PDB file of all heavy atoms in Angstrom:
ATOM      1  N   ILE A   1       0.844  -1.191   0.000  1.00  0.00           N
ATOM      2  CA  ILE A   1       0.000   0.000   0.000  1.00  0.00           C
ATOM      3  C   ILE A   1       0.881   1.243   0.000  1.00  0.00           C
ATOM      4  O   ILE A   1       1.694   1.449   0.902  1.00  0.00           O
ATOM      5  CB  ILE A   1      -0.928   0.021   1.226  1.00  0.00           C
ATOM      6  CG1 ILE A   1      -1.841  -1.203   1.232  1.00  0.00           C
ATOM      7  CG2 ILE A   1      -1.758   1.306   1.250  1.00  0.00           C
ATOM      8  CD1 ILE A   1      -2.717  -1.322   2.459  1.00  0.00           C
ATOM      9  N   THR A   2       0.729   2.068  -1.026  1.00  0.00           N
ATOM     10  CA  THR A   2       1.402   3.364  -1.087  1.00  0.00           C
ATOM     11  C   THR A   2       0.338   4.448  -0.857  1.00  0.00           C
ATOM     12  O   THR A   2      -0.863   4.147  -0.800  1.00  0.00           O
ATOM     13  CB  THR A   2       2.081   3.594  -2.450  1.00  0.00           C
ATOM     14  OG1 THR A   2       1.098   4.048  -3.394  1.00  0.00           O
ATOM     15  CG2 THR A   2       2.750   2.325  -2.962  1.00  0.00           C
ATOM     16  N   PRO A   3       0.716   5.718  -0.739  1.00  0.00           N
ATOM     17  CA  PRO A   3      -0.303   6.761  -0.608  1.00  0.00           C
ATOM     18  C   PRO A   3      -1.177   6.923  -1.853  1.00  0.00           C
ATOM     19  O   PRO A   3      -2.156   7.673  -1.814  1.00  0.00           O
ATOM     20  CB  PRO A   3       0.533   8.032  -0.377  1.00  0.00           C
ATOM     21  CG  PRO A   3       1.826   7.553   0.182  1.00  0.00           C
ATOM     22  CD  PRO A   3       2.077   6.247  -0.512  1.00  0.00           C
ATOM     23  N   TYR A   4      -0.838   6.207  -2.943  1.00  0.00           N
ATOM     24  CA  TYR A   4      -1.519   6.419  -4.219  1.00  0.00           C
ATOM     25  C   TYR A   4      -2.173   5.174  -4.803  1.00  0.00           C
ATOM     26  O   TYR A   4      -3.113   5.281  -5.593  1.00  0.00           O
ATOM     27  CB  TYR A   4      -0.533   6.975  -5.246  1.00  0.00           C
ATOM     28  CG  TYR A   4       0.344   8.071  -4.688  1.00  0.00           C
ATOM     29  CD1 TYR A   4       1.662   7.826  -4.327  1.00  0.00           C
ATOM     30  CD2 TYR A   4      -0.173   9.352  -4.469  1.00  0.00           C
ATOM     31  CE1 TYR A   4       2.462   8.835  -3.797  1.00  0.00           C
ATOM     32  CE2 TYR A   4       0.620  10.361  -3.934  1.00  0.00           C
ATOM     33  CZ  TYR A   4       1.935  10.094  -3.601  1.00  0.00           C
ATOM     34  OH  TYR A   4       2.721  11.087  -3.058  1.00  0.00           O
ATOM     35  N   ARG A   5      -1.669   3.992  -4.421  1.00  0.00           N
ATOM     36  CA  ARG A   5      -2.161   2.780  -5.072  1.00  0.00           C
ATOM     37  C   ARG A   5      -1.751   1.551  -4.270  1.00  0.00           C
ATOM     38  O   ARG A   5      -1.066   1.651  -3.243  1.00  0.00           O
ATOM     39  CB  ARG A   5      -1.580   2.673  -6.485  1.00  0.00           C
ATOM     40  CG  ARG A   5      -0.055   2.627  -6.520  1.00  0.00           C
ATOM     41  CD  ARG A   5       0.492   2.483  -7.922  1.00  0.00           C
ATOM     42  NE  ARG A   5       1.941   2.528  -7.962  1.00  0.00           N
ATOM     43  CZ  ARG A   5       2.697   1.832  -8.798  1.00  0.00           C
ATOM     44  NH1 ARG A   5       2.135   1.012  -9.676  1.00  0.00           N
ATOM     45  NH2 ARG A   5       4.008   1.964  -8.792  1.00  0.00           N
ATOM     46  N   ILE A   6      -2.158   0.381  -4.781  1.00  0.00           N
ATOM     47  CA  ILE A   6      -1.767  -0.908  -4.210  1.00  0.00           C
ATOM     48  C   ILE A   6      -0.975  -1.658  -5.266  1.00  0.00           C
ATOM     49  O   ILE A   6      -1.420  -1.795  -6.415  1.00  0.00           O
ATOM     50  CB  ILE A   6      -2.997  -1.720  -3.772  1.00  0.00           C
ATOM     51  CG1 ILE A   6      -3.735  -0.982  -2.649  1.00  0.00           C
ATOM     52  CG2 ILE A   6      -2.576  -3.113  -3.309  1.00  0.00           C
ATOM     53  CD1 ILE A   6      -5.053  -1.602  -2.278  1.00  0.00           C
ATOM     54  N   ILE A   7       0.220  -2.125  -4.895  1.00  0.00           N
ATOM     55  CA  ILE A   7       1.095  -2.835  -5.825  1.00  0.00           C
ATOM     56  C   ILE A   7       1.089  -4.313  -5.454  1.00  0.00           C
ATOM     57  O   ILE A   7       1.521  -4.694  -4.352  1.00  0.00           O
ATOM     58  CB  ILE A   7       2.535  -2.286  -5.775  1.00  0.00           C
ATOM     59  CG1 ILE A   7       2.541  -0.774  -6.033  1.00  0.00           C
ATOM     60  CG2 ILE A   7       3.413  -3.004  -6.788  1.00  0.00           C
ATOM     61  CD1 ILE A   7       3.901  -0.127  -5.847  1.00  0.00           C
ATOM     62  N   ASP A   8       0.606  -5.161  -6.342  1.00  0.00           N
ATOM     63  CA  ASP A   8       0.510  -6.592  -6.070  1.00  0.00           C
ATOM     64  C   ASP A   8       1.863  -7.287  -6.207  1.00  0.00           C
ATOM     65  O   ASP A   8       2.778  -6.795  -6.879  1.00  0.00           O
ATOM     66  CB  ASP A   8      -0.497  -7.242  -7.018  1.00  0.00           C
ATOM     67  CG  ASP A   8      -1.927  -6.816  -6.730  1.00  0.00           C
ATOM     68  OD1 ASP A   8      -2.239  -6.543  -5.556  1.00  0.00           O
ATOM     69  OD2 ASP A   8      -2.727  -6.744  -7.684  1.00  0.00           O
ATOM     70  N   SER A   9       1.968  -8.439  -5.569  1.00  0.00           N
ATOM     71  CA  SER A   9       3.143  -9.321  -5.683  1.00  0.00           C
ATOM     72  C   SER A   9       4.438  -8.552  -5.467  1.00  0.00           C
ATOM     73  O   SER A   9       5.366  -8.610  -6.283  1.00  0.00           O
ATOM     74  CB  SER A   9       3.150 -10.006  -7.056  1.00  0.00           C
ATOM     75  OG  SER A   9       1.955 -10.728  -7.258  1.00  0.00           O
ATOM     76  N   CYS A  10       4.513  -7.869  -4.352  1.00  0.00           N
ATOM     77  CA  CYS A  10       5.656  -7.002  -4.082  1.00  0.00           C
ATOM     78  C   CYS A  10       6.544  -7.604  -2.993  1.00  0.00           C
ATOM     79  O   CYS A  10       6.078  -8.338  -2.111  1.00  0.00           O
ATOM     80  CB  CYS A  10       5.155  -5.630  -3.639  1.00  0.00           C
ATOM     81  SG  CYS A  10       6.328  -4.302  -3.933  1.00  0.00           S
ATOM     82  N   SER A  11       7.823  -7.292  -3.076  1.00  0.00           N
ATOM     83  CA  SER A  11       8.787  -7.698  -2.049  1.00  0.00           C
ATOM     84  C   SER A  11       9.461  -6.461  -1.462  1.00  0.00           C
ATOM     85  O   SER A  11       9.708  -5.483  -2.177  1.00  0.00           O
ATOM     86  CB  SER A  11       9.852  -8.626  -2.636  1.00  0.00           C
ATOM     87  OG  SER A  11       9.276  -9.832  -3.100  1.00  0.00           O
ATOM     88  N   ILE A  12       9.776  -6.528  -0.171  1.00  0.00           N
ATOM     89  CA  ILE A  12      10.463  -5.435   0.516  1.00  0.00           C
ATOM     90  C   ILE A  12      11.655  -6.015   1.265  1.00  0.00           C
ATOM     91  O   ILE A  12      11.501  -6.952   2.051  1.00  0.00           O
ATOM     92  CB  ILE A  12       9.541  -4.711   1.516  1.00  0.00           C
ATOM     93  CG1 ILE A  12       8.344  -4.091   0.797  1.00  0.00           C
ATOM     94  CG2 ILE A  12      10.306  -3.639   2.285  1.00  0.00           C
ATOM     95  CD1 ILE A  12       7.377  -3.414   1.738  1.00  0.00           C
ATOM     96  N   MET A  13      12.817  -5.449   1.029  1.00  0.00           N
ATOM     97  CA  MET A  13      14.015  -5.838   1.768  1.00  0.00           C
ATOM     98  C   MET A  13      14.266  -4.826   2.875  1.00  0.00           C
ATOM     99  O   MET A  13      14.258  -3.613   2.646  1.00  0.00           O
ATOM    100  CB  MET A  13      15.231  -5.898   0.845  1.00  0.00           C
ATOM    101  CG  MET A  13      16.547  -6.219   1.559  1.00  0.00           C
ATOM    102  SD  MET A  13      16.613  -7.935   2.156  1.00  0.00           S
ATOM    103  CE  MET A  13      17.014  -8.778   0.603  1.00  0.00           C
ATOM    104  N   ILE A  14      14.488  -5.361   4.078  1.00  0.00           N
ATOM    105  CA  ILE A  14      14.822  -4.539   5.238  1.00  0.00           C
ATOM    106  C   ILE A  14      16.228  -4.917   5.688  1.00  0.00           C
ATOM    107  O   ILE A  14      16.507  -6.090   5.938  1.00  0.00           O
ATOM    108  CB  ILE A  14      13.823  -4.760   6.382  1.00  0.00           C
ATOM    109  CG1 ILE A  14      12.416  -4.334   5.960  1.00  0.00           C
ATOM    110  CG2 ILE A  14      14.259  -4.020   7.639  1.00  0.00           C
ATOM    111  CD1 ILE A  14      11.327  -4.771   6.915  1.00  0.00           C
ATOM    112  N   GLU A  15      17.100  -3.929   5.743  1.00  0.00           N
ATOM    113  CA  GLU A  15      18.454  -4.163   6.241  1.00  0.00           C
ATOM    114  C   GLU A  15      18.659  -3.272   7.450  1.00  0.00           C
ATOM    115  O   GLU A  15      18.563  -2.052   7.359  1.00  0.00           O
ATOM    116  CB  GLU A  15      19.484  -3.869   5.150  1.00  0.00           C
ATOM    117  CG  GLU A  15      19.324  -4.768   3.921  1.00  0.00           C
ATOM    118  CD  GLU A  15      20.427  -4.569   2.903  1.00  0.00           C
ATOM    119  OE1 GLU A  15      21.597  -4.427   3.316  1.00  0.00           O
ATOM    120  OE2 GLU A  15      20.120  -4.549   1.699  1.00  0.00           O
ATOM    121  N   ALA A  16      18.938  -3.937   8.593  1.00  0.00           N
ATOM    122  CA  ALA A  16      19.008  -3.243   9.878  1.00  0.00           C
ATOM    123  C   ALA A  16      17.675  -2.547  10.125  1.00  0.00           C
ATOM    124  O   ALA A  16      16.652  -3.195  10.243  1.00  0.00           O
ATOM    125  CB  ALA A  16      20.182  -2.288   9.936  1.00  0.00           C
ATOM    126  N   SER A  17      17.632  -1.226  10.134  1.00  0.00           N
ATOM    127  CA  SER A  17      16.396  -0.511  10.471  1.00  0.00           C
ATOM    128  C   SER A  17      15.768   0.209   9.285  1.00  0.00           C
ATOM    129  O   SER A  17      14.796   0.938   9.463  1.00  0.00           O
ATOM    130  CB  SER A  17      16.688   0.509  11.576  1.00  0.00           C
ATOM    131  OG  SER A  17      17.611   1.486  11.104  1.00  0.00           O
ATOM    132  N   LYS A  18      16.291  -0.023   8.069  1.00  0.00           N
ATOM    133  CA  LYS A  18      15.835   0.742   6.916  1.00  0.00           C
ATOM    134  C   LYS A  18      15.291  -0.150   5.803  1.00  0.00           C
ATOM    135  O   LYS A  18      15.659  -1.322   5.678  1.00  0.00           O
ATOM    136  CB  LYS A  18      16.987   1.591   6.351  1.00  0.00           C
ATOM    137  CG  LYS A  18      17.612   2.560   7.348  1.00  0.00           C
ATOM    138  CD  LYS A  18      16.649   3.640   7.796  1.00  0.00           C
ATOM    139  CE  LYS A  18      17.322   4.617   8.756  1.00  0.00           C
ATOM    140  NZ  LYS A  18      16.368   5.663   9.226  1.00  0.00           N
ATOM    141  N   ILE A  19      14.436   0.447   4.970  1.00  0.00           N
ATOM    142  CA  ILE A  19      13.950  -0.214   3.763  1.00  0.00           C
ATOM    143  C   ILE A  19      14.962   0.034   2.659  1.00  0.00           C
ATOM    144  O   ILE A  19      15.284   1.189   2.346  1.00  0.00           O
ATOM    145  CB  ILE A  19      12.566   0.343   3.363  1.00  0.00           C
ATOM    146  CG1 ILE A  19      11.530   0.040   4.441  1.00  0.00           C
ATOM    147  CG2 ILE A  19      12.127  -0.225   2.014  1.00  0.00           C
ATOM    148  CD1 ILE A  19      10.203   0.738   4.230  1.00  0.00           C
ATOM    149  N   THR A  20      15.472  -1.034   2.073  1.00  0.00           N
ATOM    150  CA  THR A  20      16.534  -0.880   1.073  1.00  0.00           C
ATOM    151  C   THR A  20      16.110  -1.284  -0.340  1.00  0.00           C
ATOM    152  O   THR A  20      16.721  -0.852  -1.311  1.00  0.00           O
ATOM    153  CB  THR A  20      17.778  -1.678   1.473  1.00  0.00           C
ATOM    154  OG1 THR A  20      17.426  -3.064   1.626  1.00  0.00           O
ATOM    155  CG2 THR A  20      18.362  -1.151   2.786  1.00  0.00           C
ATOM    156  N   VAL A  21      15.104  -2.150  -0.448  1.00  0.00           N
ATOM    157  CA  VAL A  21      14.643  -2.581  -1.772  1.00  0.00           C
ATOM    158  C   VAL A  21      13.130  -2.722  -1.739  1.00  0.00           C
ATOM    159  O   VAL A  21      12.563  -3.259  -0.780  1.00  0.00           O
ATOM    160  CB  VAL A  21      15.264  -3.930  -2.198  1.00  0.00           C
ATOM    161  CG1 VAL A  21      14.716  -4.358  -3.566  1.00  0.00           C
ATOM    162  CG2 VAL A  21      16.780  -3.853  -2.247  1.00  0.00           C
ATOM    163  N   ILE A  22      12.474  -2.227  -2.785  1.00  0.00           N
ATOM    164  CA  ILE A  22      11.050  -2.482  -3.028  1.00  0.00           C
ATOM    165  C   ILE A  22      10.937  -2.882  -4.490  1.00  0.00           C
ATOM    166  O   ILE A  22      11.322  -2.126  -5.380  1.00  0.00           O
ATOM    167  CB  ILE A  22      10.181  -1.243  -2.752  1.00  0.00           C
ATOM    168  CG1 ILE A  22      10.303  -0.805  -1.288  1.00  0.00           C
ATOM    169  CG2 ILE A  22       8.719  -1.523  -3.105  1.00  0.00           C
ATOM    170  CD1 ILE A  22       9.579   0.492  -0.973  1.00  0.00           C
ATOM    171  N   THR A  23      10.413  -4.078  -4.745  1.00  0.00           N
ATOM    172  CA  THR A  23      10.421  -4.576  -6.117  1.00  0.00           C
ATOM    173  C   THR A  23       9.317  -5.597  -6.339  1.00  0.00           C
ATOM    174  O   THR A  23       8.849  -6.236  -5.383  1.00  0.00           O
ATOM    175  CB  THR A  23      11.779  -5.210  -6.465  1.00  0.00           C
ATOM    176  OG1 THR A  23      11.781  -5.627  -7.829  1.00  0.00           O
ATOM    177  CG2 THR A  23      12.067  -6.401  -5.577  1.00  0.00           C
ATOM    178  N   GLN A  24       8.914  -5.752  -7.592  1.00  0.00           N
ATOM    179  CA  GLN A  24       8.033  -6.847  -7.986  1.00  0.00           C
ATOM    180  C   GLN A  24       8.829  -7.998  -8.610  1.00  0.00           C
ATOM    181  O   GLN A  24       8.249  -9.021  -8.972  1.00  0.00           O
ATOM    182  CB  GLN A  24       6.976  -6.343  -8.981  1.00  0.00           C
ATOM    183  CG  GLN A  24       5.923  -5.450  -8.341  1.00  0.00           C
ATOM    184  CD  GLN A  24       4.897  -4.961  -9.342  1.00  0.00           C
ATOM    185  OE1 GLN A  24       5.207  -4.127 -10.196  1.00  0.00           O
ATOM    186  NE2 GLN A  24       3.666  -5.454  -9.250  1.00  0.00           N
ATOM    187  N   ASP A  25      10.145  -7.803  -8.702  1.00  0.00           N
ATOM    188  CA  ASP A  25      11.002  -8.856  -9.235  1.00  0.00           C
ATOM    189  C   ASP A  25      11.267  -9.912  -8.169  1.00  0.00           C
ATOM    190  O   ASP A  25      11.182  -9.653  -6.965  1.00  0.00           O
ATOM    191  CB  ASP A  25      12.331  -8.266  -9.706  1.00  0.00           C
ATOM    192  CG  ASP A  25      12.159  -7.300 -10.865  1.00  0.00           C
ATOM    193  OD1 ASP A  25      11.158  -7.439 -11.598  1.00  0.00           O
ATOM    194  OD2 ASP A  25      13.009  -6.397 -11.013  1.00  0.00           O
ATOM    195  N   LYS A  26      11.635 -11.107  -8.603  1.00  0.00           N
ATOM    196  CA  LYS A  26      11.987 -12.171  -7.680  1.00  0.00           C
ATOM    197  C   LYS A  26      13.296 -11.824  -6.985  1.00  0.00           C
ATOM    198  O   LYS A  26      14.253 -11.383  -7.630  1.00  0.00           O
ATOM    199  CB  LYS A  26      12.119 -13.502  -8.436  1.00  0.00           C
ATOM    200  CG  LYS A  26      12.354 -14.700  -7.538  1.00  0.00           C
ATOM    201  CD  LYS A  26      12.328 -15.981  -8.343  1.00  0.00           C
ATOM    202  CE  LYS A  26      12.601 -17.207  -7.470  1.00  0.00           C
ATOM    203  NZ  LYS A  26      11.584 -17.363  -6.402  1.00  0.00           N
ATOM    204  N   MET A  27      13.355 -12.030  -5.680  1.00  0.00           N
ATOM    205  CA  MET A  27      14.523 -11.658  -4.885  1.00  0.00           C
ATOM    206  C   MET A  27      15.291 -12.893  -4.422  1.00  0.00           C
ATOM    207  O   MET A  27      14.708 -13.955  -4.174  1.00  0.00           O
ATOM    208  CB  MET A  27      14.085 -10.860  -3.658  1.00  0.00           C
ATOM    209  CG  MET A  27      13.490  -9.497  -3.974  1.00  0.00           C
ATOM    210  SD  MET A  27      14.758  -8.280  -4.358  1.00  0.00           S
ATOM    211  CE  MET A  27      15.573  -8.120  -2.773  1.00  0.00           C
ATOM    212  N   ASP A  28      16.599 -12.733  -4.298  1.00  0.00           N
ATOM    213  CA  ASP A  28      17.446 -13.770  -3.714  1.00  0.00           C
ATOM    214  C   ASP A  28      17.203 -13.777  -2.210  1.00  0.00           C
ATOM    215  O   ASP A  28      17.375 -12.761  -1.530  1.00  0.00           O
ATOM    216  CB  ASP A  28      18.910 -13.457  -4.013  1.00  0.00           C
ATOM    217  CG  ASP A  28      19.861 -14.491  -3.428  1.00  0.00           C
ATOM    218  OD1 ASP A  28      19.381 -15.515  -2.895  1.00  0.00           O
ATOM    219  OD2 ASP A  28      21.086 -14.256  -3.478  1.00  0.00           O
ATOM    220  N   THR A  29      16.795 -14.912  -1.665  1.00  0.00           N
ATOM    221  CA  THR A  29      16.451 -15.006  -0.244  1.00  0.00           C
ATOM    222  C   THR A  29      17.599 -15.480   0.636  1.00  0.00           C
ATOM    223  O   THR A  29      17.439 -15.576   1.849  1.00  0.00           O
ATOM    224  CB  THR A  29      15.256 -15.951  -0.051  1.00  0.00           C
ATOM    225  OG1 THR A  29      15.622 -17.264  -0.491  1.00  0.00           O
ATOM    226  CG2 THR A  29      14.042 -15.466  -0.830  1.00  0.00           C
ATOM    227  N   SER A  30      18.742 -15.765   0.043  1.00  0.00           N
ATOM    228  CA  SER A  30      19.852 -16.285   0.850  1.00  0.00           C
ATOM    229  C   SER A  30      20.315 -15.228   1.853  1.00  0.00           C
ATOM    230  O   SER A  30      20.447 -14.049   1.531  1.00  0.00           O
ATOM    231  CB  SER A  30      21.017 -16.691  -0.056  1.00  0.00           C
ATOM    232  OG  SER A  30      21.466 -15.595  -0.820  1.00  0.00           O
ATOM    233  N   GLY A  31      20.534 -15.675   3.081  1.00  0.00           N
ATOM    234  CA  GLY A  31      20.999 -14.777   4.132  1.00  0.00           C
ATOM    235  C   GLY A  31      19.923 -13.882   4.712  1.00  0.00           C
ATOM    236  O   GLY A  31      20.225 -12.956   5.478  1.00  0.00           O
ATOM    237  N   CYS A  32      18.666 -14.162   4.364  1.00  0.00           N
ATOM    238  CA  CYS A  32      17.563 -13.316   4.844  1.00  0.00           C
ATOM    239  C   CYS A  32      16.592 -14.117   5.697  1.00  0.00           C
ATOM    240  O   CYS A  32      16.392 -15.320   5.485  1.00  0.00           O
ATOM    241  CB  CYS A  32      16.763 -12.740   3.674  1.00  0.00           C
ATOM    242  SG  CYS A  32      17.693 -11.717   2.536  1.00  0.00           S
ATOM    243  N   ARG A  33      15.992 -13.436   6.656  1.00  0.00           N
ATOM    244  CA  ARG A  33      14.804 -13.983   7.285  1.00  0.00           C
ATOM    245  C   ARG A  33      13.632 -13.611   6.378  1.00  0.00           C
ATOM    246  O   ARG A  33      13.414 -12.435   6.063  1.00  0.00           O
ATOM    247  CB  ARG A  33      14.582 -13.399   8.678  1.00  0.00           C
ATOM    248  CG  ARG A  33      13.269 -13.856   9.291  1.00  0.00           C
ATOM    249  CD  ARG A  33      13.142 -13.535  10.749  1.00  0.00           C
ATOM    250  NE  ARG A  33      11.891 -14.027  11.281  1.00  0.00           N
ATOM    251  CZ  ARG A  33      11.569 -14.048  12.572  1.00  0.00           C
ATOM    252  NH1 ARG A  33      12.431 -13.575  13.451  1.00  0.00           N
ATOM    253  NH2 ARG A  33      10.404 -14.508  12.977  1.00  0.00           N
ATOM    254  N   VAL A  34      12.879 -14.611   5.944  1.00  0.00           N
ATOM    255  CA  VAL A  34      11.812 -14.385   4.974  1.00  0.00           C
ATOM    256  C   VAL A  34      10.452 -14.414   5.670  1.00  0.00           C
ATOM    257  O   VAL A  34      10.151 -15.332   6.438  1.00  0.00           O
ATOM    258  CB  VAL A  34      11.845 -15.434   3.849  1.00  0.00           C
ATOM    259  CG1 VAL A  34      10.688 -15.209   2.873  1.00  0.00           C
ATOM    260  CG2 VAL A  34      13.183 -15.384   3.112  1.00  0.00           C
ATOM    261  N   ILE A  35       9.659 -13.400   5.401  1.00  0.00           N
ATOM    262  CA  ILE A  35       8.273 -13.366   5.866  1.00  0.00           C
ATOM    263  C   ILE A  35       7.385 -13.417   4.636  1.00  0.00           C
ATOM    264  O   ILE A  35       7.424 -12.520   3.788  1.00  0.00           O
ATOM    265  CB  ILE A  35       7.973 -12.088   6.679  1.00  0.00           C
ATOM    266  CG1 ILE A  35       8.817 -12.042   7.952  1.00  0.00           C
ATOM    267  CG2 ILE A  35       6.484 -12.017   7.023  1.00  0.00           C
ATOM    268  CD1 ILE A  35       8.627 -10.776   8.760  1.00  0.00           C
ATOM    269  N   ASP A  36       6.616 -14.493   4.507  1.00  0.00           N
ATOM    270  CA  ASP A  36       5.682 -14.628   3.387  1.00  0.00           C
ATOM    271  C   ASP A  36       4.374 -13.934   3.763  1.00  0.00           C
ATOM    272  O   ASP A  36       3.650 -14.387   4.659  1.00  0.00           O
ATOM    273  CB  ASP A  36       5.439 -16.109   3.103  1.00  0.00           C
ATOM    274  CG  ASP A  36       4.562 -16.324   1.869  1.00  0.00           C
ATOM    275  OD1 ASP A  36       4.007 -15.335   1.344  1.00  0.00           O
ATOM    276  OD2 ASP A  36       4.425 -17.494   1.447  1.00  0.00           O
ATOM    277  N   ALA A  37       4.076 -12.839   3.094  1.00  0.00           N
ATOM    278  CA  ALA A  37       2.868 -12.083   3.409  1.00  0.00           C
ATOM    279  C   ALA A  37       1.592 -12.775   2.945  1.00  0.00           C
ATOM    280  O   ALA A  37       0.493 -12.328   3.295  1.00  0.00           O
ATOM    281  CB  ALA A  37       2.951 -10.686   2.790  1.00  0.00           C
ATOM    282  N   GLN A  38       1.731 -13.843   2.172  1.00  0.00           N
ATOM    283  CA  GLN A  38       0.603 -14.693   1.777  1.00  0.00           C
ATOM    284  C   GLN A  38      -0.509 -13.914   1.063  1.00  0.00           C
ATOM    285  O   GLN A  38      -1.691 -14.225   1.170  1.00  0.00           O
ATOM    286  CB  GLN A  38       0.029 -15.402   3.012  1.00  0.00           C
ATOM    287  CG  GLN A  38       1.036 -16.264   3.740  1.00  0.00           C
ATOM    288  CD  GLN A  38       0.492 -16.889   5.013  1.00  0.00           C
ATOM    289  OE1 GLN A  38      -0.724 -17.052   5.164  1.00  0.00           O
ATOM    290  NE2 GLN A  38       1.385 -17.229   5.938  1.00  0.00           N
ATOM    291  N   GLY A  39      -0.104 -12.890   0.328  1.00  0.00           N
ATOM    292  CA  GLY A  39      -1.090 -12.115  -0.405  1.00  0.00           C
ATOM    293  C   GLY A  39      -1.818 -11.072   0.417  1.00  0.00           C
ATOM    294  O   GLY A  39      -2.716 -10.384  -0.092  1.00  0.00           O
TER     295      GLY A  39
END
């Protein structure tokens, strides 16, 4: 959810305390704790 629209099938990368990546592309999950938002 953005202030303007809803973007489906999105991924967000969080590193330490900040948002570093927002994408609809497939992300490499190695070295990450993954939370599946399940739609």
